[in-house]
Amino acid sequence: MKRFLSVIAVLLGMVGATGVSAASFSAGLGVDFFNYEQGYLSTHAAYMNEITENVELEIGATFGILVENQEPSFYLPAHLGLGFVFPDLPAVDGILGVGVTPAFNWGNAVDDTGFYLGPYLKGGIRVPVHPFMRWYIEVQQNLLIGPPQWINTSTRVMSGINFFFGSN
């Protein structure tokens, strides 16, 4: 528990050190396909902070639920990574993200309750819809390592609103 709190303290310190002038927060809905066997309806939240021009530090989490025969299964991935913003596309911002995803999966639709960890790659776009809001759509591919299969994949498709608190 001390290690977990230490990691959180370091991450919050990194976020605080970069300032909040170009911070944004995203909230959305989507679908997670774990090993292409289970489809989880998911809600997503993330905090992004610009660490240099067109590069964001992103910290986020997802809560996914799947119900089969009135029994729920849960999928809880988080992510920490960098988002590279491409603002020169016509009328949209392109996003390319890389990072690491720890994930928990348990419930009746899951063979074994598990913890997984691995890298991710994502791509998406953000469309300005208001001076402080951008609609986004993203696709994220995770490579998750953990028992019992050891090599697991997860694909996430999500859409929502990015609330932007800096200058465009």
N, C-alpha and C. Protein backbone atom coordinates (compact mmCIF):
# COMPACT_ATOMS: atom_id res chain seq x y z
N MET A 1 0.83 -1.19 0.00
CA MET A 1 0.00 0.00 0.00
C MET A 1 0.87 1.25 0.00
N LYS A 2 2.02 1.18 0.72
CA LYS A 2 2.91 2.34 0.76
C LYS A 2 3.48 2.64 -0.62
N ARG A 3 3.78 1.59 -1.39
CA ARG A 3 4.31 1.80 -2.75
C ARG A 3 3.26 2.47 -3.62
N PHE A 4 2.01 2.00 -3.52
CA PHE A 4 0.93 2.58 -4.31
C PHE A 4 0.76 4.06 -3.98
N LEU A 5 0.74 4.40 -2.70
CA LEU A 5 0.60 5.81 -2.29
C LEU A 5 1.80 6.63 -2.73
N SER A 6 3.00 6.03 -2.71
CA SER A 6 4.19 6.75 -3.18
C SER A 6 4.10 7.05 -4.67
N VAL A 7 3.63 6.07 -5.45
CA VAL A 7 3.48 6.29 -6.90
C VAL A 7 2.45 7.38 -7.16
N ILE A 8 1.32 7.36 -6.46
CA ILE A 8 0.30 8.39 -6.62
C ILE A 8 0.86 9.76 -6.25
N ALA A 9 1.63 9.84 -5.16
CA ALA A 9 2.21 11.12 -4.75
C ALA A 9 3.18 11.66 -5.81
N VAL A 10 3.99 10.78 -6.39
CA VAL A 10 4.93 11.21 -7.44
C VAL A 10 4.16 11.70 -8.67
N LEU A 11 3.13 10.97 -9.07
CA LEU A 11 2.34 11.38 -10.24
C LEU A 11 1.66 12.73 -10.00
N LEU A 12 1.08 12.91 -8.83
CA LEU A 12 0.44 14.19 -8.52
C LEU A 12 1.47 15.31 -8.48
N GLY A 13 2.66 15.01 -7.98
CA GLY A 13 3.72 16.01 -7.98
C GLY A 13 4.14 16.41 -9.39
N MET A 14 4.21 15.42 -10.30
CA MET A 14 4.54 15.71 -11.69
C MET A 14 3.47 16.59 -12.32
N VAL A 15 2.21 16.26 -12.05
CA VAL A 15 1.11 17.04 -12.61
C VAL A 15 1.14 18.46 -12.05
N GLY A 16 1.35 18.60 -10.74
CA GLY A 16 1.39 19.92 -10.11
C GLY A 16 2.56 20.75 -10.60
N ALA A 17 3.70 20.11 -10.86
CA ALA A 17 4.88 20.82 -11.31
C ALA A 17 4.72 21.39 -12.71
N THR A 18 3.86 20.79 -13.52
CA THR A 18 3.70 21.28 -14.89
C THR A 18 2.72 22.43 -14.98
N GLY A 19 2.00 22.72 -13.90
CA GLY A 19 1.05 23.83 -13.93
C GLY A 19 -0.30 23.39 -14.46
N VAL A 20 -1.29 24.27 -14.32
CA VAL A 20 -2.64 23.94 -14.76
C VAL A 20 -3.12 24.85 -15.88
N SER A 21 -2.22 25.57 -16.52
CA SER A 21 -2.65 26.51 -17.56
C SER A 21 -3.21 25.81 -18.79
N ALA A 22 -2.79 24.59 -19.06
CA ALA A 22 -3.29 23.88 -20.24
C ALA A 22 -3.83 22.52 -19.83
N ALA A 23 -4.58 22.50 -18.74
CA ALA A 23 -5.15 21.25 -18.24
C ALA A 23 -6.48 20.99 -18.91
N SER A 24 -6.82 19.71 -19.03
CA SER A 24 -8.13 19.33 -19.53
C SER A 24 -8.58 18.05 -18.85
N PHE A 25 -9.86 17.82 -18.89
CA PHE A 25 -10.48 16.66 -18.27
C PHE A 25 -11.44 16.06 -19.29
N SER A 26 -11.40 14.74 -19.44
CA SER A 26 -12.28 14.06 -20.38
C SER A 26 -13.19 13.10 -19.64
N ALA A 27 -14.43 13.01 -20.11
CA ALA A 27 -15.39 12.05 -19.58
C ALA A 27 -16.16 11.48 -20.77
N GLY A 28 -16.35 10.15 -20.76
CA GLY A 28 -17.03 9.56 -21.90
C GLY A 28 -17.53 8.16 -21.65
N LEU A 29 -18.14 7.61 -22.68
CA LEU A 29 -18.68 6.26 -22.68
C LEU A 29 -18.04 5.47 -23.81
N GLY A 30 -18.04 4.16 -23.65
CA GLY A 30 -17.47 3.34 -24.71
C GLY A 30 -17.69 1.87 -24.48
N VAL A 31 -16.92 1.09 -25.21
CA VAL A 31 -16.97 -0.37 -25.12
C VAL A 31 -15.54 -0.88 -25.05
N ASP A 32 -15.29 -1.82 -24.13
CA ASP A 32 -14.02 -2.52 -24.03
C ASP A 32 -14.22 -3.96 -24.45
N PHE A 33 -13.38 -4.45 -25.36
CA PHE A 33 -13.44 -5.83 -25.80
C PHE A 33 -12.21 -6.55 -25.25
N PHE A 34 -12.39 -7.29 -24.15
CA PHE A 34 -11.29 -8.00 -23.51
C PHE A 34 -11.10 -9.34 -24.19
N ASN A 35 -9.92 -9.55 -24.76
CA ASN A 35 -9.58 -10.77 -25.52
C ASN A 35 -10.60 -11.08 -26.61
N TYR A 36 -11.32 -10.11 -27.07
CA TYR A 36 -12.34 -10.25 -28.11
C TYR A 36 -13.38 -11.30 -27.75
N GLU A 37 -13.54 -11.59 -26.46
CA GLU A 37 -14.52 -12.55 -25.98
C GLU A 37 -15.63 -11.87 -25.20
N GLN A 38 -15.28 -10.85 -24.42
CA GLN A 38 -16.27 -10.16 -23.59
C GLN A 38 -16.29 -8.69 -23.98
N GLY A 39 -17.49 -8.16 -24.14
CA GLY A 39 -17.66 -6.74 -24.44
C GLY A 39 -18.23 -6.03 -23.21
N TYR A 40 -17.47 -5.12 -22.65
CA TYR A 40 -17.87 -4.40 -21.44
C TYR A 40 -18.35 -3.00 -21.81
N LEU A 41 -19.53 -2.60 -21.33
CA LEU A 41 -19.97 -1.22 -21.43
C LEU A 41 -19.16 -0.44 -20.41
N SER A 42 -18.54 0.65 -20.82
CA SER A 42 -17.61 1.33 -19.92
C SER A 42 -17.81 2.83 -19.88
N THR A 43 -17.48 3.39 -18.73
CA THR A 43 -17.38 4.83 -18.55
C THR A 43 -15.91 5.16 -18.36
N HIS A 44 -15.52 6.33 -18.79
CA HIS A 44 -14.11 6.68 -18.85
C HIS A 44 -13.93 8.09 -18.32
N ALA A 45 -12.85 8.32 -17.57
CA ALA A 45 -12.47 9.66 -17.12
C ALA A 45 -10.95 9.77 -17.19
N ALA A 46 -10.47 10.94 -17.57
CA ALA A 46 -9.02 11.15 -17.67
C ALA A 46 -8.69 12.62 -17.42
N TYR A 47 -7.51 12.84 -16.87
CA TYR A 47 -6.97 14.18 -16.67
C TYR A 47 -5.74 14.30 -17.56
N MET A 48 -5.69 15.37 -18.34
CA MET A 48 -4.55 15.63 -19.20
C MET A 48 -3.93 16.97 -18.84
N ASN A 49 -2.60 17.02 -18.85
CA ASN A 49 -1.89 18.26 -18.58
C ASN A 49 -0.76 18.40 -19.60
N GLU A 50 -0.71 19.52 -20.26
CA GLU A 50 0.31 19.75 -21.29
C GLU A 50 1.67 19.90 -20.60
N ILE A 51 2.62 19.03 -20.96
CA ILE A 51 3.94 19.11 -20.36
C ILE A 51 4.93 19.86 -21.24
N THR A 52 4.65 19.91 -22.52
CA THR A 52 5.38 20.74 -23.46
C THR A 52 4.44 20.96 -24.64
N GLU A 53 4.81 21.78 -25.57
CA GLU A 53 3.90 22.09 -26.67
C GLU A 53 3.48 20.83 -27.41
N ASN A 54 2.16 20.59 -27.47
CA ASN A 54 1.54 19.47 -28.18
C ASN A 54 1.89 18.09 -27.62
N VAL A 55 2.29 18.04 -26.34
CA VAL A 55 2.52 16.77 -25.65
C VAL A 55 1.83 16.85 -24.29
N GLU A 56 0.96 15.86 -24.01
CA GLU A 56 0.18 15.84 -22.78
C GLU A 56 0.55 14.63 -21.92
N LEU A 57 0.58 14.84 -20.61
CA LEU A 57 0.62 13.74 -19.66
C LEU A 57 -0.82 13.37 -19.39
N GLU A 58 -1.17 12.09 -19.52
CA GLU A 58 -2.56 11.67 -19.34
C GLU A 58 -2.64 10.60 -18.27
N ILE A 59 -3.55 10.81 -17.32
CA ILE A 59 -3.84 9.85 -16.25
C ILE A 59 -5.33 9.60 -16.30
N GLY A 60 -5.73 8.33 -16.45
CA GLY A 60 -7.15 8.04 -16.58
C GLY A 60 -7.53 6.67 -16.08
N ALA A 61 -8.84 6.46 -15.98
CA ALA A 61 -9.37 5.18 -15.53
C ALA A 61 -10.69 4.91 -16.22
N THR A 62 -11.02 3.63 -16.30
CA THR A 62 -12.26 3.18 -16.94
C THR A 62 -12.94 2.18 -16.02
N PHE A 63 -14.25 2.23 -15.99
CA PHE A 63 -15.05 1.25 -15.26
C PHE A 63 -15.94 0.55 -16.28
N GLY A 64 -15.72 -0.75 -16.46
CA GLY A 64 -16.51 -1.53 -17.41
C GLY A 64 -17.33 -2.60 -16.72
N ILE A 65 -18.54 -2.82 -17.21
CA ILE A 65 -19.42 -3.83 -16.65
C ILE A 65 -20.03 -4.65 -17.77
N LEU A 66 -20.14 -5.96 -17.50
CA LEU A 66 -20.76 -6.92 -18.41
C LEU A 66 -21.71 -7.76 -17.57
N VAL A 67 -22.96 -7.88 -18.00
CA VAL A 67 -23.94 -8.68 -17.25
C VAL A 67 -24.39 -9.85 -18.12
N GLU A 68 -24.19 -11.06 -17.61
CA GLU A 68 -24.65 -12.28 -18.26
C GLU A 68 -25.44 -13.10 -17.25
N ASN A 69 -26.67 -13.48 -17.59
CA ASN A 69 -27.54 -14.25 -16.70
C ASN A 69 -27.71 -13.57 -15.34
N GLN A 70 -27.91 -12.27 -15.37
CA GLN A 70 -28.12 -11.45 -14.17
C GLN A 70 -26.91 -11.44 -13.23
N GLU A 71 -25.72 -11.80 -13.71
CA GLU A 71 -24.50 -11.81 -12.91
C GLU A 71 -23.49 -10.85 -13.54
N PRO A 72 -22.99 -9.88 -12.77
CA PRO A 72 -22.06 -8.90 -13.34
C PRO A 72 -20.62 -9.38 -13.34
N SER A 73 -19.87 -8.89 -14.31
CA SER A 73 -18.42 -9.01 -14.36
C SER A 73 -17.89 -7.60 -14.55
N PHE A 74 -16.71 -7.35 -14.00
CA PHE A 74 -16.16 -6.00 -14.01
C PHE A 74 -14.78 -5.99 -14.64
N TYR A 75 -14.48 -4.89 -15.30
CA TYR A 75 -13.19 -4.67 -15.93
C TYR A 75 -12.77 -3.26 -15.57
N LEU A 76 -11.65 -3.12 -14.85
CA LEU A 76 -11.20 -1.82 -14.35
C LEU A 76 -9.77 -1.53 -14.82
N PRO A 77 -9.60 -0.98 -16.01
CA PRO A 77 -8.26 -0.57 -16.43
C PRO A 77 -8.00 0.90 -16.09
N ALA A 78 -6.77 1.20 -15.82
CA ALA A 78 -6.31 2.58 -15.67
C ALA A 78 -5.25 2.80 -16.74
N HIS A 79 -4.83 4.02 -16.93
CA HIS A 79 -3.73 4.24 -17.85
C HIS A 79 -2.95 5.49 -17.48
N LEU A 80 -1.67 5.43 -17.77
CA LEU A 80 -0.74 6.53 -17.58
C LEU A 80 0.12 6.59 -18.82
N GLY A 81 0.14 7.74 -19.47
CA GLY A 81 0.92 7.82 -20.70
C GLY A 81 1.05 9.23 -21.23
N LEU A 82 1.56 9.30 -22.43
CA LEU A 82 1.74 10.56 -23.13
C LEU A 82 0.81 10.61 -24.33
N GLY A 83 0.23 11.77 -24.55
CA GLY A 83 -0.59 12.00 -25.72
C GLY A 83 0.07 13.05 -26.60
N PHE A 84 0.28 12.72 -27.85
CA PHE A 84 0.88 13.64 -28.80
C PHE A 84 -0.24 14.25 -29.64
N VAL A 85 -0.36 15.57 -29.60
CA VAL A 85 -1.45 16.29 -30.26
C VAL A 85 -0.95 16.81 -31.60
N PHE A 86 -1.77 16.62 -32.62
CA PHE A 86 -1.47 17.10 -33.97
C PHE A 86 -2.51 18.15 -34.33
N PRO A 87 -2.25 19.44 -34.00
CA PRO A 87 -3.27 20.49 -34.17
C PRO A 87 -3.40 21.02 -35.59
N ASP A 88 -2.58 20.57 -36.52
CA ASP A 88 -2.60 21.13 -37.86
C ASP A 88 -3.56 20.43 -38.82
N LEU A 89 -4.30 19.45 -38.33
CA LEU A 89 -5.31 18.81 -39.18
C LEU A 89 -6.47 19.77 -39.38
N PRO A 90 -7.15 19.75 -40.53
CA PRO A 90 -8.25 20.68 -40.77
C PRO A 90 -9.43 20.43 -39.83
N ALA A 91 -9.79 21.40 -39.01
CA ALA A 91 -10.97 21.44 -38.14
C ALA A 91 -10.95 20.45 -36.98
N VAL A 92 -9.90 19.66 -36.81
CA VAL A 92 -9.81 18.72 -35.69
C VAL A 92 -8.38 18.68 -35.16
N ASP A 93 -8.22 18.14 -33.97
CA ASP A 93 -6.89 17.82 -33.43
C ASP A 93 -6.74 16.31 -33.46
N GLY A 94 -5.66 15.83 -34.03
CA GLY A 94 -5.37 14.40 -34.00
C GLY A 94 -4.63 14.05 -32.72
N ILE A 95 -4.85 12.86 -32.19
CA ILE A 95 -4.20 12.42 -30.96
C ILE A 95 -3.57 11.06 -31.20
N LEU A 96 -2.32 10.93 -30.77
CA LEU A 96 -1.64 9.64 -30.76
C LEU A 96 -1.10 9.47 -29.35
N GLY A 97 -1.47 8.38 -28.67
CA GLY A 97 -1.06 8.18 -27.29
C GLY A 97 -0.34 6.86 -27.09
N VAL A 98 0.62 6.87 -26.15
CA VAL A 98 1.34 5.66 -25.75
C VAL A 98 1.48 5.68 -24.24
N GLY A 99 1.52 4.50 -23.65
CA GLY A 99 1.69 4.45 -22.21
C GLY A 99 1.54 3.05 -21.68
N VAL A 100 1.18 2.96 -20.39
CA VAL A 100 1.05 1.69 -19.71
C VAL A 100 -0.33 1.59 -19.08
N THR A 101 -0.88 0.36 -19.07
CA THR A 101 -2.21 0.10 -18.53
C THR A 101 -2.15 -1.03 -17.50
N PRO A 102 -2.45 -0.73 -16.22
CA PRO A 102 -2.76 -1.80 -15.28
C PRO A 102 -4.26 -2.05 -15.32
N ALA A 103 -4.69 -3.31 -15.22
CA ALA A 103 -6.12 -3.63 -15.32
C ALA A 103 -6.48 -4.77 -14.38
N PHE A 104 -7.69 -4.68 -13.82
CA PHE A 104 -8.27 -5.74 -13.01
C PHE A 104 -9.50 -6.26 -13.73
N ASN A 105 -9.73 -7.58 -13.66
CA ASN A 105 -10.87 -8.20 -14.32
C ASN A 105 -11.40 -9.30 -13.40
N TRP A 106 -12.69 -9.26 -13.05
CA TRP A 106 -13.28 -10.30 -12.22
C TRP A 106 -14.77 -10.37 -12.44
N GLY A 107 -15.35 -11.52 -12.09
CA GLY A 107 -16.78 -11.74 -12.23
C GLY A 107 -17.08 -13.08 -12.85
N ASN A 108 -18.36 -13.35 -13.09
CA ASN A 108 -18.79 -14.65 -13.59
C ASN A 108 -18.43 -14.91 -15.05
N ALA A 109 -18.29 -13.87 -15.87
CA ALA A 109 -17.95 -14.06 -17.28
C ALA A 109 -16.45 -14.25 -17.48
N VAL A 110 -15.68 -14.15 -16.40
CA VAL A 110 -14.23 -14.23 -16.46
C VAL A 110 -13.78 -15.59 -15.94
N ASP A 111 -12.87 -16.26 -16.64
CA ASP A 111 -12.38 -17.56 -16.20
C ASP A 111 -11.70 -17.45 -14.83
N ASP A 112 -10.76 -16.54 -14.70
CA ASP A 112 -10.05 -16.32 -13.45
C ASP A 112 -9.97 -14.83 -13.18
N THR A 113 -10.17 -14.47 -11.92
CA THR A 113 -9.96 -13.08 -11.53
C THR A 113 -8.50 -12.76 -11.77
N GLY A 114 -8.25 -11.59 -12.35
CA GLY A 114 -6.87 -11.34 -12.69
C GLY A 114 -6.43 -9.89 -12.64
N PHE A 115 -5.13 -9.73 -12.52
CA PHE A 115 -4.47 -8.44 -12.66
C PHE A 115 -3.59 -8.53 -13.89
N TYR A 116 -3.64 -7.50 -14.72
CA TYR A 116 -2.88 -7.47 -15.96
C TYR A 116 -2.14 -6.15 -16.05
N LEU A 117 -1.02 -6.15 -16.76
CA LEU A 117 -0.23 -4.94 -16.94
C LEU A 117 0.43 -5.00 -18.30
N GLY A 118 0.41 -3.87 -19.01
CA GLY A 118 1.07 -3.85 -20.30
C GLY A 118 0.96 -2.50 -20.99
N PRO A 119 1.58 -2.38 -22.15
CA PRO A 119 1.57 -1.12 -22.89
C PRO A 119 0.28 -0.92 -23.68
N TYR A 120 0.04 0.33 -24.06
CA TYR A 120 -1.10 0.64 -24.94
C TYR A 120 -0.67 1.62 -26.01
N LEU A 121 -1.45 1.63 -27.07
CA LEU A 121 -1.32 2.59 -28.17
C LEU A 121 -2.72 3.04 -28.52
N LYS A 122 -2.92 4.35 -28.67
CA LYS A 122 -4.26 4.83 -29.02
C LYS A 122 -4.17 5.94 -30.05
N GLY A 123 -5.26 6.10 -30.77
CA GLY A 123 -5.40 7.16 -31.75
C GLY A 123 -6.79 7.74 -31.67
N GLY A 124 -6.92 9.01 -32.02
CA GLY A 124 -8.24 9.62 -31.97
C GLY A 124 -8.24 11.03 -32.52
N ILE A 125 -9.41 11.64 -32.46
CA ILE A 125 -9.56 13.03 -32.88
C ILE A 125 -10.36 13.79 -31.83
N ARG A 126 -10.15 15.11 -31.78
CA ARG A 126 -10.93 16.01 -30.95
C ARG A 126 -11.47 17.12 -31.85
N VAL A 127 -12.79 17.32 -31.77
CA VAL A 127 -13.45 18.31 -32.61
C VAL A 127 -13.97 19.43 -31.71
N PRO A 128 -13.57 20.69 -31.93
CA PRO A 128 -14.09 21.79 -31.11
C PRO A 128 -15.59 21.96 -31.30
N VAL A 129 -16.34 21.99 -30.18
CA VAL A 129 -17.78 22.20 -30.23
C VAL A 129 -18.21 23.39 -29.38
N HIS A 130 -17.28 23.96 -28.60
CA HIS A 130 -17.53 25.08 -27.70
C HIS A 130 -16.16 25.62 -27.31
N PRO A 131 -16.05 26.89 -26.88
CA PRO A 131 -14.72 27.38 -26.50
C PRO A 131 -14.03 26.56 -25.41
N PHE A 132 -14.78 25.87 -24.56
CA PHE A 132 -14.19 25.08 -23.50
C PHE A 132 -14.45 23.58 -23.62
N MET A 133 -15.01 23.13 -24.74
CA MET A 133 -15.32 21.71 -24.90
C MET A 133 -14.93 21.23 -26.29
N ARG A 134 -14.43 19.99 -26.32
CA ARG A 134 -14.12 19.32 -27.57
C ARG A 134 -14.70 17.91 -27.50
N TRP A 135 -15.44 17.52 -28.55
CA TRP A 135 -15.94 16.15 -28.63
C TRP A 135 -14.79 15.29 -29.12
N TYR A 136 -14.62 14.12 -28.50
CA TYR A 136 -13.54 13.23 -28.93
C TYR A 136 -14.06 11.84 -29.22
N ILE A 137 -13.33 11.16 -30.07
CA ILE A 137 -13.53 9.73 -30.32
C ILE A 137 -12.13 9.12 -30.39
N GLU A 138 -11.95 8.02 -29.65
CA GLU A 138 -10.63 7.38 -29.57
C GLU A 138 -10.77 5.87 -29.65
N VAL A 139 -9.71 5.25 -30.15
CA VAL A 139 -9.58 3.80 -30.15
C VAL A 139 -8.24 3.49 -29.50
N GLN A 140 -8.28 2.59 -28.51
CA GLN A 140 -7.07 2.23 -27.77
C GLN A 140 -6.87 0.72 -27.82
N GLN A 141 -5.66 0.30 -28.10
CA GLN A 141 -5.30 -1.12 -28.13
C GLN A 141 -4.31 -1.39 -27.00
N ASN A 142 -4.66 -2.34 -26.12
CA ASN A 142 -3.81 -2.72 -25.00
C ASN A 142 -3.23 -4.11 -25.23
N LEU A 143 -1.99 -4.30 -24.83
CA LEU A 143 -1.37 -5.62 -24.74
C LEU A 143 -1.19 -5.87 -23.26
N LEU A 144 -2.01 -6.76 -22.67
CA LEU A 144 -2.01 -6.98 -21.23
C LEU A 144 -1.38 -8.33 -20.92
N ILE A 145 -0.45 -8.32 -19.99
CA ILE A 145 0.27 -9.52 -19.63
C ILE A 145 -0.19 -9.96 -18.24
N GLY A 146 -0.65 -11.21 -18.15
CA GLY A 146 -1.09 -11.74 -16.88
C GLY A 146 -1.77 -13.09 -17.05
N PRO A 147 -1.82 -13.88 -15.95
CA PRO A 147 -2.40 -15.22 -16.05
C PRO A 147 -3.90 -15.17 -16.23
N PRO A 148 -4.55 -16.19 -16.74
CA PRO A 148 -3.98 -17.50 -17.04
C PRO A 148 -3.42 -17.60 -18.46
N GLN A 149 -3.84 -16.73 -19.39
CA GLN A 149 -3.36 -16.85 -20.77
C GLN A 149 -2.02 -16.17 -20.99
N TRP A 150 -1.63 -15.26 -20.13
CA TRP A 150 -0.40 -14.49 -20.14
C TRP A 150 -0.33 -13.45 -21.24
N ILE A 151 -0.82 -13.70 -22.40
CA ILE A 151 -0.88 -12.69 -23.46
C ILE A 151 -2.35 -12.40 -23.71
N ASN A 152 -2.77 -11.20 -23.36
CA ASN A 152 -4.17 -10.79 -23.49
C ASN A 152 -4.22 -9.48 -24.25
N THR A 153 -5.31 -9.26 -24.93
CA THR A 153 -5.50 -8.00 -25.63
C THR A 153 -6.80 -7.37 -25.16
N SER A 154 -6.86 -6.08 -25.32
CA SER A 154 -8.08 -5.35 -25.02
C SER A 154 -8.16 -4.18 -25.99
N THR A 155 -9.31 -4.03 -26.61
CA THR A 155 -9.55 -2.91 -27.51
C THR A 155 -10.65 -2.05 -26.92
N ARG A 156 -10.41 -0.76 -26.84
CA ARG A 156 -11.39 0.17 -26.28
C ARG A 156 -11.76 1.19 -27.36
N VAL A 157 -13.06 1.37 -27.54
CA VAL A 157 -13.59 2.41 -28.42
C VAL A 157 -14.42 3.32 -27.53
N MET A 158 -14.09 4.62 -27.51
CA MET A 158 -14.79 5.53 -26.62
C MET A 158 -15.02 6.88 -27.26
N SER A 159 -16.03 7.55 -26.74
CA SER A 159 -16.39 8.89 -27.21
C SER A 159 -16.89 9.68 -26.02
N GLY A 160 -16.68 10.98 -26.06
CA GLY A 160 -17.13 11.83 -24.96
C GLY A 160 -16.74 13.27 -25.17
N ILE A 161 -16.67 14.00 -24.08
CA ILE A 161 -16.34 15.43 -24.12
C ILE A 161 -15.04 15.66 -23.38
N ASN A 162 -14.17 16.45 -23.98
CA ASN A 162 -12.92 16.90 -23.37
C ASN A 162 -13.13 18.35 -22.96
N PHE A 163 -13.10 18.60 -21.65
CA PHE A 163 -13.27 19.96 -21.12
C PHE A 163 -11.89 20.58 -21.03
N PHE A 164 -11.67 21.66 -21.77
CA PHE A 164 -10.35 22.25 -21.93
C PHE A 164 -10.31 23.58 -21.19
N PHE A 165 -9.33 23.75 -20.29
CA PHE A 165 -9.27 24.95 -19.46
C PHE A 165 -8.07 25.82 -19.77
N GLY A 166 -7.59 25.77 -21.00
CA GLY A 166 -6.46 26.60 -21.40
C GLY A 166 -6.79 27.36 -22.65
N SER A 167 -5.80 28.00 -23.21
CA SER A 167 -6.02 28.73 -24.45
C SER A 167 -5.81 27.80 -25.62
N ASN A 168 -6.65 27.93 -26.65
CA ASN A 168 -6.52 27.07 -27.83
C ASN A 168 -5.44 27.51 -28.72
